[in-house]
Amino acid sequence: MALPLVLVHGHPFDHTMWTPQIEAFSPTRRVIAPDLRGYGTSPAVPGITLLSDFAQDIESLLDELKVETFVLAGLSMGGQIAMECYARLGDRVRGLVLADTFAEPETPGGRLARNAMADRLLAEGMAGYADEVLEKMVAPYADPAVKAHVHRMMTATSPEGAAAALRGRAERPDYRPLLTQVTVPALVVVGEDDEYTPVSDAAAMHTALPDAELHVVARAAHLPNLERAAEFNEVLENFLAKVEA
């Protein structure tokens, strides 16, 4: 039987970040792709949203949906939430997909930068930030429709929700020890031209995980699941088949 697939989006996006995967996999398995707290249609909670808060939300949702075992996939911040979920729900996870993310704790400089950005988003809104980072989120050569979708998600995000998540991420723990203890198959995916989480970050996670494969998506930046959806879906399909075998 096909395992449910749980998809955790990144910042500052919403569940439509996974549209190509929802469309590809929904015909053959249950796909669960929620809007995280403060994103999309989920209400924003001011203050600080820790990665553990997001993980608790996902655990509660899966309990409510009566989903016992599943394959868990997350991209960027969603990948760090997926690691946090594995720490809580490891006995229910049958496969782990970490895309364009990294396991290291925040640095002192990074903590300052994230909190400063949170202040800026609350003061200015999302538009200027979205314009600035668009061609780092997706490559400058990405399809215009993909660029438009990514920009639309960013500008639609609640500044309060985004700021709370940034402050929470500034407090994130070191997930590197956790990776060495993962007992299920893992897939690490990264865009070849990702500036936020370069291939070296993906390679480090791949090395730490006991049973993992690494796939580098050529001509993609931080969102290969959108920029190179067909290739991403094929790699994910092969991984799901391996897990279910």
C-alpha atoms as a PDB file:
ATOM      1  CA  MET A   1       0.000   0.000   0.000  1.00  0.00           C
ATOM      2  CA  ALA A   2       1.236   3.508  -0.862  1.00  0.00           C
ATOM      3  CA  LEU A   3       2.412   5.456   2.160  1.00  0.00           C
ATOM      4  CA  PRO A   4       1.011   8.942   2.773  1.00  0.00           C
ATOM      5  CA  LEU A   5       3.367  11.742   1.733  1.00  0.00           C
ATOM      6  CA  VAL A   6       3.686  14.726   4.072  1.00  0.00           C
ATOM      7  CA  LEU A   7       5.123  17.876   2.447  1.00  0.00           C
ATOM      8  CA  VAL A   8       6.425  20.755   4.591  1.00  0.00           C
ATOM      9  CA  HIS A   9       6.890  24.052   2.773  1.00  0.00           C
ATOM     10  CA  GLY A  10       9.630  26.621   3.260  1.00  0.00           C
ATOM     11  CA  HIS A  11       9.719  30.311   4.190  1.00  0.00           C
ATOM     12  CA  PRO A  12       8.084  32.586   3.166  1.00  0.00           C
ATOM     13  CA  PHE A  13       5.784  30.366   1.106  1.00  0.00           C
ATOM     14  CA  ASP A  14       2.632  28.269   1.547  1.00  0.00           C
ATOM     15  CA  HIS A  15       1.406  24.812   0.577  1.00  0.00           C
ATOM     16  CA  THR A  16       1.124  25.807  -3.119  1.00  0.00           C
ATOM     17  CA  MET A  17       4.930  25.629  -3.200  1.00  0.00           C
ATOM     18  CA  TRP A  18       4.280  21.889  -3.588  1.00  0.00           C
ATOM     19  CA  THR A  19       1.696  22.165  -6.400  1.00  0.00           C
ATOM     20  CA  PRO A  20       3.655  20.044  -8.937  1.00  0.00           C
ATOM     21  CA  GLN A  21       4.145  17.317  -6.325  1.00  0.00           C
ATOM     22  CA  ILE A  22       0.532  17.427  -5.108  1.00  0.00           C
ATOM     23  CA  GLU A  23      -0.651  17.050  -8.707  1.00  0.00           C
ATOM     24  CA  ALA A  24       1.817  14.260  -9.482  1.00  0.00           C
ATOM     25  CA  PHE A  25       1.369  12.105  -6.376  1.00  0.00           C
ATOM     26  CA  SER A  26      -2.224  12.656  -5.263  1.00  0.00           C
ATOM     27  CA  PRO A  27      -3.661  10.194  -7.811  1.00  0.00           C
ATOM     28  CA  THR A  28      -1.731   7.294  -6.236  1.00  0.00           C
ATOM     29  CA  ARG A  29      -1.326   8.178  -2.544  1.00  0.00           C
ATOM     30  CA  ARG A  30      -2.568  10.499   0.181  1.00  0.00           C
ATOM     31  CA  VAL A  31      -0.662  13.788   0.052  1.00  0.00           C
ATOM     32  CA  ILE A  32      -0.770  16.092   3.075  1.00  0.00           C
ATOM     33  CA  ALA A  33       0.628  19.581   2.434  1.00  0.00           C
ATOM     34  CA  PRO A  34      -0.507  22.017   5.122  1.00  0.00           C
ATOM     35  CA  ASP A  35      -0.055  25.754   5.342  1.00  0.00           C
ATOM     36  CA  LEU A  36       2.261  26.201   8.309  1.00  0.00           C
ATOM     37  CA  ARG A  37       1.302  28.460  11.194  1.00  0.00           C
ATOM     38  CA  GLY A  38       1.468  32.070   9.970  1.00  0.00           C
ATOM     39  CA  TYR A  39       1.579  31.152   6.268  1.00  0.00           C
ATOM     40  CA  GLY A  40      -1.073  30.805   3.581  1.00  0.00           C
ATOM     41  CA  THR A  41      -4.533  30.388   5.082  1.00  0.00           C
ATOM     42  CA  SER A  42      -3.253  29.441   8.558  1.00  0.00           C
ATOM     43  CA  PRO A  43      -3.588  32.207  11.152  1.00  0.00           C
ATOM     44  CA  ALA A  44      -0.513  34.209  12.077  1.00  0.00           C
ATOM     45  CA  VAL A  45       0.625  34.139  15.691  1.00  0.00           C
ATOM     46  CA  PRO A  46       2.837  37.105  16.642  1.00  0.00           C
ATOM     47  CA  GLY A  47       5.987  36.714  18.688  1.00  0.00           C
ATOM     48  CA  ILE A  48       8.216  33.686  18.125  1.00  0.00           C
ATOM     49  CA  THR A  49       7.309  30.439  16.348  1.00  0.00           C
ATOM     50  CA  LEU A  50       9.967  27.845  17.121  1.00  0.00           C
ATOM     51  CA  LEU A  51      10.670  24.935  14.793  1.00  0.00           C
ATOM     52  CA  SER A  52       9.333  22.731  17.601  1.00  0.00           C
ATOM     53  CA  ASP A  53       6.039  24.649  17.458  1.00  0.00           C
ATOM     54  CA  PHE A  54       5.685  23.867  13.753  1.00  0.00           C
ATOM     55  CA  ALA A  55       6.520  20.219  14.456  1.00  0.00           C
ATOM     56  CA  GLN A  56       3.885  20.073  17.190  1.00  0.00           C
ATOM     57  CA  ASP A  57       1.328  21.505  14.751  1.00  0.00           C
ATOM     58  CA  ILE A  58       2.180  18.827  12.194  1.00  0.00           C
ATOM     59  CA  GLU A  59       2.004  16.069  14.809  1.00  0.00           C
ATOM     60  CA  SER A  60      -1.433  17.305  15.896  1.00  0.00           C
ATOM     61  CA  LEU A  61      -2.633  17.449  12.290  1.00  0.00           C
ATOM     62  CA  LEU A  62      -1.443  13.930  11.522  1.00  0.00           C
ATOM     63  CA  ASP A  63      -3.092  12.644  14.701  1.00  0.00           C
ATOM     64  CA  GLU A  64      -6.337  14.378  13.723  1.00  0.00           C
ATOM     65  CA  LEU A  65      -6.141  12.859  10.232  1.00  0.00           C
ATOM     66  CA  LYS A  66      -5.322   9.449  11.762  1.00  0.00           C
ATOM     67  CA  VAL A  67      -2.125   9.160   9.717  1.00  0.00           C
ATOM     68  CA  GLU A  68       0.060   6.664  11.554  1.00  0.00           C
ATOM     69  CA  THR A  69       3.061   6.148   9.228  1.00  0.00           C
ATOM     70  CA  PHE A  70       4.225   8.308   6.339  1.00  0.00           C
ATOM     71  CA  VAL A  71       7.086   9.614   4.236  1.00  0.00           C
ATOM     72  CA  LEU A  72       8.132  13.091   5.370  1.00  0.00           C
ATOM     73  CA  ALA A  73       9.575  15.718   3.020  1.00  0.00           C
ATOM     74  CA  GLY A  74      10.602  19.289   3.750  1.00  0.00           C
ATOM     75  CA  LEU A  75      12.355  22.044   1.842  1.00  0.00           C
ATOM     76  CA  SER A  76      14.523  24.799   3.363  1.00  0.00           C
ATOM     77  CA  MET A  77      12.875  25.801   6.671  1.00  0.00           C
ATOM     78  CA  GLY A  78      10.521  22.909   5.956  1.00  0.00           C
ATOM     79  CA  GLY A  79      13.521  20.588   5.944  1.00  0.00           C
ATOM     80  CA  GLN A  80      14.522  21.796   9.400  1.00  0.00           C
ATOM     81  CA  ILE A  81      10.933  21.305  10.561  1.00  0.00           C
ATOM     82  CA  ALA A  82      11.099  17.795   9.076  1.00  0.00           C
ATOM     83  CA  MET A  83      14.224  17.103  11.139  1.00  0.00           C
ATOM     84  CA  GLU A  84      12.412  18.378  14.228  1.00  0.00           C
ATOM     85  CA  CYS A  85       9.450  16.140  13.334  1.00  0.00           C
ATOM     86  CA  TYR A  86      11.765  13.154  13.006  1.00  0.00           C
ATOM     87  CA  ALA A  87      13.091  13.843  16.499  1.00  0.00           C
ATOM     88  CA  ARG A  88       9.492  13.702  17.794  1.00  0.00           C
ATOM     89  CA  LEU A  89       7.903  11.154  15.460  1.00  0.00           C
ATOM     90  CA  GLY A  90      10.770   8.982  14.279  1.00  0.00           C
ATOM     91  CA  ASP A  91       8.868   5.764  14.919  1.00  0.00           C
ATOM     92  CA  ARG A  92       6.157   6.887  12.472  1.00  0.00           C
ATOM     93  CA  VAL A  93       8.422   8.159   9.671  1.00  0.00           C
ATOM     94  CA  ARG A  94       9.227   5.574   6.973  1.00  0.00           C
ATOM     95  CA  GLY A  95      11.327   7.808   4.736  1.00  0.00           C
ATOM     96  CA  LEU A  96      12.855  11.292   5.079  1.00  0.00           C
ATOM     97  CA  VAL A  97      13.360  13.789   2.240  1.00  0.00           C
ATOM     98  CA  LEU A  98      15.510  16.866   2.954  1.00  0.00           C
ATOM     99  CA  ALA A  99      15.579  19.399   0.121  1.00  0.00           C
ATOM    100  CA  ASP A 100      17.667  22.573  -0.025  1.00  0.00           C
ATOM    101  CA  THR A 101      18.171  22.731   3.724  1.00  0.00           C
ATOM    102  CA  PHE A 102      20.945  22.331   6.306  1.00  0.00           C
ATOM    103  CA  ALA A 103      21.385  20.902   9.786  1.00  0.00           C
ATOM    104  CA  GLU A 104      23.770  23.366  11.475  1.00  0.00           C
ATOM    105  CA  PRO A 105      22.618  25.550  14.393  1.00  0.00           C
ATOM    106  CA  GLU A 106      22.290  29.297  13.961  1.00  0.00           C
ATOM    107  CA  THR A 107      25.448  31.396  14.263  1.00  0.00           C
ATOM    108  CA  PRO A 108      25.537  34.558  16.403  1.00  0.00           C
ATOM    109  CA  GLY A 109      25.641  36.653  13.223  1.00  0.00           C
ATOM    110  CA  GLY A 110      22.798  34.687  11.714  1.00  0.00           C
ATOM    111  CA  ARG A 111      20.695  35.190  14.836  1.00  0.00           C
ATOM    112  CA  LEU A 112      21.172  38.955  14.599  1.00  0.00           C
ATOM    113  CA  ALA A 113      20.393  38.964  10.874  1.00  0.00           C
ATOM    114  CA  ARG A 114      17.187  36.935  11.232  1.00  0.00           C
ATOM    115  CA  ASN A 115      15.882  39.142  14.027  1.00  0.00           C
ATOM    116  CA  ALA A 116      16.765  42.266  12.054  1.00  0.00           C
ATOM    117  CA  MET A 117      14.902  40.900   9.033  1.00  0.00           C
ATOM    118  CA  ALA A 118      11.906  40.110  11.245  1.00  0.00           C
ATOM    119  CA  ASP A 119      11.884  43.739  12.396  1.00  0.00           C
ATOM    120  CA  ARG A 120      12.113  44.912   8.808  1.00  0.00           C
ATOM    121  CA  LEU A 121       9.230  42.753   7.582  1.00  0.00           C
ATOM    122  CA  LEU A 122       6.999  44.012  10.391  1.00  0.00           C
ATOM    123  CA  ALA A 123       7.908  47.605   9.540  1.00  0.00           C
ATOM    124  CA  GLU A 124       7.866  47.438   5.732  1.00  0.00           C
ATOM    125  CA  GLY A 125       5.816  44.404   4.725  1.00  0.00           C
ATOM    126  CA  MET A 126       6.850  41.656   2.326  1.00  0.00           C
ATOM    127  CA  ALA A 127       7.012  43.393  -1.075  1.00  0.00           C
ATOM    128  CA  GLY A 128      10.511  44.860  -0.969  1.00  0.00           C
ATOM    129  CA  TYR A 129      11.983  41.688   0.490  1.00  0.00           C
ATOM    130  CA  ALA A 130      10.242  39.573  -2.150  1.00  0.00           C
ATOM    131  CA  ASP A 131      11.686  41.714  -4.949  1.00  0.00           C
ATOM    132  CA  GLU A 132      15.189  41.468  -3.483  1.00  0.00           C
ATOM    133  CA  VAL A 133      15.355  37.702  -2.968  1.00  0.00           C
ATOM    134  CA  LEU A 134      13.289  36.414  -5.903  1.00  0.00           C
ATOM    135  CA  GLU A 135      16.304  35.545  -8.061  1.00  0.00           C
ATOM    136  CA  LYS A 136      17.983  33.754  -5.159  1.00  0.00           C
ATOM    137  CA  MET A 137      14.874  31.728  -4.353  1.00  0.00           C
ATOM    138  CA  VAL A 138      14.688  30.675  -7.994  1.00  0.00           C
ATOM    139  CA  ALA A 139      17.462  31.053 -10.535  1.00  0.00           C
ATOM    140  CA  PRO A 140      17.498  34.151 -12.760  1.00  0.00           C
ATOM    141  CA  TYR A 141      16.963  31.829 -15.743  1.00  0.00           C
ATOM    142  CA  ALA A 142      13.886  30.140 -14.186  1.00  0.00           C
ATOM    143  CA  ASP A 143      10.603  29.949 -16.075  1.00  0.00           C
ATOM    144  CA  PRO A 144       8.716  33.283 -15.767  1.00  0.00           C
ATOM    145  CA  ALA A 145       5.586  31.471 -14.559  1.00  0.00           C
ATOM    146  CA  VAL A 146       7.586  29.866 -11.741  1.00  0.00           C
ATOM    147  CA  LYS A 147       9.077  33.243 -10.810  1.00  0.00           C
ATOM    148  CA  ALA A 148       5.615  34.787 -10.738  1.00  0.00           C
ATOM    149  CA  HIS A 149       4.265  31.993  -8.521  1.00  0.00           C
ATOM    150  CA  VAL A 150       7.160  32.326  -6.047  1.00  0.00           C
ATOM    151  CA  HIS A 151       6.845  36.112  -5.917  1.00  0.00           C
ATOM    152  CA  ARG A 152       3.086  35.816  -5.377  1.00  0.00           C
ATOM    153  CA  MET A 153       3.547  33.414  -2.445  1.00  0.00           C
ATOM    154  CA  MET A 154       6.087  35.703  -0.793  1.00  0.00           C
ATOM    155  CA  THR A 155       4.034  38.881  -1.105  1.00  0.00           C
ATOM    156  CA  ALA A 156       0.892  37.096   0.145  1.00  0.00           C
ATOM    157  CA  THR A 157       2.620  35.918   3.335  1.00  0.00           C
ATOM    158  CA  SER A 158       1.703  37.603   6.608  1.00  0.00           C
ATOM    159  CA  PRO A 159       4.601  39.764   7.859  1.00  0.00           C
ATOM    160  CA  GLU A 160       3.673  38.753  11.423  1.00  0.00           C
ATOM    161  CA  GLY A 161       3.849  35.039  10.574  1.00  0.00           C
ATOM    162  CA  ALA A 162       7.100  35.415   8.658  1.00  0.00           C
ATOM    163  CA  ALA A 163       8.708  37.474  11.423  1.00  0.00           C
ATOM    164  CA  ALA A 164       7.672  34.982  14.114  1.00  0.00           C
ATOM    165  CA  ALA A 165       9.185  32.139  12.103  1.00  0.00           C
ATOM    166  CA  LEU A 166      12.414  34.062  11.508  1.00  0.00           C
ATOM    167  CA  ARG A 167      12.791  34.703  15.243  1.00  0.00           C
ATOM    168  CA  GLY A 168      12.127  31.028  15.913  1.00  0.00           C
ATOM    169  CA  ARG A 169      14.643  29.859  13.347  1.00  0.00           C
ATOM    170  CA  ALA A 170      17.239  32.094  14.964  1.00  0.00           C
ATOM    171  CA  GLU A 171      16.948  29.811  18.003  1.00  0.00           C
ATOM    172  CA  ARG A 172      17.204  26.505  16.140  1.00  0.00           C
ATOM    173  CA  PRO A 173      19.269  23.657  17.572  1.00  0.00           C
ATOM    174  CA  ASP A 174      22.004  21.605  15.948  1.00  0.00           C
ATOM    175  CA  TYR A 175      20.383  18.772  13.975  1.00  0.00           C
ATOM    176  CA  ARG A 176      23.666  17.153  12.932  1.00  0.00           C
ATOM    177  CA  PRO A 177      23.676  14.596  15.792  1.00  0.00           C
ATOM    178  CA  LEU A 178      20.083  13.686  14.927  1.00  0.00           C
ATOM    179  CA  LEU A 179      20.995  12.894  11.309  1.00  0.00           C
ATOM    180  CA  THR A 180      23.475  10.239  12.411  1.00  0.00           C
ATOM    181  CA  GLN A 181      20.652   8.456  14.257  1.00  0.00           C
ATOM    182  CA  VAL A 182      18.104   8.370  11.415  1.00  0.00           C
ATOM    183  CA  THR A 183      17.142   4.723  10.906  1.00  0.00           C
ATOM    184  CA  VAL A 184      15.026   5.080   7.739  1.00  0.00           C
ATOM    185  CA  PRO A 185      16.054   5.696   4.118  1.00  0.00           C
ATOM    186  CA  ALA A 186      16.716   9.355   3.343  1.00  0.00           C
ATOM    187  CA  LEU A 187      16.880  11.426   0.179  1.00  0.00           C
ATOM    188  CA  VAL A 188      18.841  14.692   0.054  1.00  0.00           C
ATOM    189  CA  VAL A 189      18.039  16.971  -2.887  1.00  0.00           C
ATOM    190  CA  VAL A 190      19.559  20.346  -3.733  1.00  0.00           C
ATOM    191  CA  GLY A 191      19.591  22.769  -6.630  1.00  0.00           C
ATOM    192  CA  GLU A 192      23.001  23.059  -8.258  1.00  0.00           C
ATOM    193  CA  ASP A 193      22.845  26.882  -8.129  1.00  0.00           C
ATOM    194  CA  ASP A 194      21.319  27.238  -4.653  1.00  0.00           C
ATOM    195  CA  GLU A 195      22.999  30.148  -2.840  1.00  0.00           C
ATOM    196  CA  TYR A 196      21.074  29.751   0.428  1.00  0.00           C
ATOM    197  CA  THR A 197      21.876  26.066   0.942  1.00  0.00           C
ATOM    198  CA  PRO A 198      24.724  25.167  -1.420  1.00  0.00           C
ATOM    199  CA  VAL A 199      25.583  21.677  -2.584  1.00  0.00           C
ATOM    200  CA  SER A 200      28.237  21.441   0.144  1.00  0.00           C
ATOM    201  CA  ASP A 201      25.476  21.647   2.802  1.00  0.00           C
ATOM    202  CA  ALA A 202      23.564  18.843   1.102  1.00  0.00           C
ATOM    203  CA  ALA A 203      26.707  16.730   0.818  1.00  0.00           C
ATOM    204  CA  ALA A 204      27.377  17.152   4.562  1.00  0.00           C
ATOM    205  CA  MET A 205      23.873  15.914   5.422  1.00  0.00           C
ATOM    206  CA  HIS A 206      24.228  13.027   2.965  1.00  0.00           C
ATOM    207  CA  THR A 207      27.471  11.996   4.671  1.00  0.00           C
ATOM    208  CA  ALA A 208      25.918  12.168   8.143  1.00  0.00           C
ATOM    209  CA  LEU A 209      22.826  10.111   7.306  1.00  0.00           C
ATOM    210  CA  PRO A 210      23.378   6.331   7.605  1.00  0.00           C
ATOM    211  CA  ASP A 211      21.212   5.387   4.595  1.00  0.00           C
ATOM    212  CA  ALA A 212      20.893   8.256   2.165  1.00  0.00           C
ATOM    213  CA  GLU A 213      21.129   9.186  -1.474  1.00  0.00           C
ATOM    214  CA  LEU A 214      22.068  12.617  -2.803  1.00  0.00           C
ATOM    215  CA  HIS A 215      20.607  14.184  -5.936  1.00  0.00           C
ATOM    216  CA  VAL A 216      21.833  17.512  -7.314  1.00  0.00           C
ATOM    217  CA  VAL A 217      19.352  19.179  -9.686  1.00  0.00           C
ATOM    218  CA  ALA A 218      21.141  20.987 -12.501  1.00  0.00           C
ATOM    219  CA  ARG A 219      19.931  24.451 -13.546  1.00  0.00           C
ATOM    220  CA  ALA A 220      17.958  25.060 -10.366  1.00  0.00           C
ATOM    221  CA  ALA A 221      18.433  27.257  -7.310  1.00  0.00           C
ATOM    222  CA  HIS A 222      16.596  27.045  -3.955  1.00  0.00           C
ATOM    223  CA  LEU A 223      13.296  25.592  -5.224  1.00  0.00           C
ATOM    224  CA  PRO A 224      14.123  22.701  -7.558  1.00  0.00           C
ATOM    225  CA  ASN A 225      10.711  21.149  -6.917  1.00  0.00           C
ATOM    226  CA  LEU A 226       9.231  24.103  -8.853  1.00  0.00           C
ATOM    227  CA  GLU A 227      12.109  25.000 -11.160  1.00  0.00           C
ATOM    228  CA  ARG A 228      12.703  21.422 -12.353  1.00  0.00           C
ATOM    229  CA  ALA A 229       9.482  19.760 -11.270  1.00  0.00           C
ATOM    230  CA  ALA A 230       9.629  16.763 -13.625  1.00  0.00           C
ATOM    231  CA  GLU A 231      13.136  15.794 -12.487  1.00  0.00           C
ATOM    232  CA  PHE A 232      12.306  16.377  -8.819  1.00  0.00           C
ATOM    233  CA  ASN A 233       9.169  14.245  -9.126  1.00  0.00           C
ATOM    234  CA  GLU A 234      11.045  11.416 -10.820  1.00  0.00           C
ATOM    235  CA  VAL A 235      13.667  11.340  -8.076  1.00  0.00           C
ATOM    236  CA  LEU A 236      10.971  11.428  -5.403  1.00  0.00           C
ATOM    237  CA  GLU A 237       8.983   8.685  -7.145  1.00  0.00           C
ATOM    238  CA  ASN A 238      12.038   6.436  -7.252  1.00  0.00           C
ATOM    239  CA  PHE A 239      12.706   7.108  -3.576  1.00  0.00           C
ATOM    240  CA  LEU A 240       9.125   6.290  -2.597  1.00  0.00           C
ATOM    241  CA  ALA A 241       9.353   3.024  -4.528  1.00  0.00           C
ATOM    242  CA  LYS A 242      12.560   2.168  -2.638  1.00  0.00           C
ATOM    243  CA  VAL A 243      10.954   2.942   0.734  1.00  0.00           C
ATOM    244  CA  GLU A 244       7.859   0.893  -0.073  1.00  0.00           C
ATOM    245  CA  ALA A 245       9.869  -2.044  -1.404  1.00  0.00           C
END
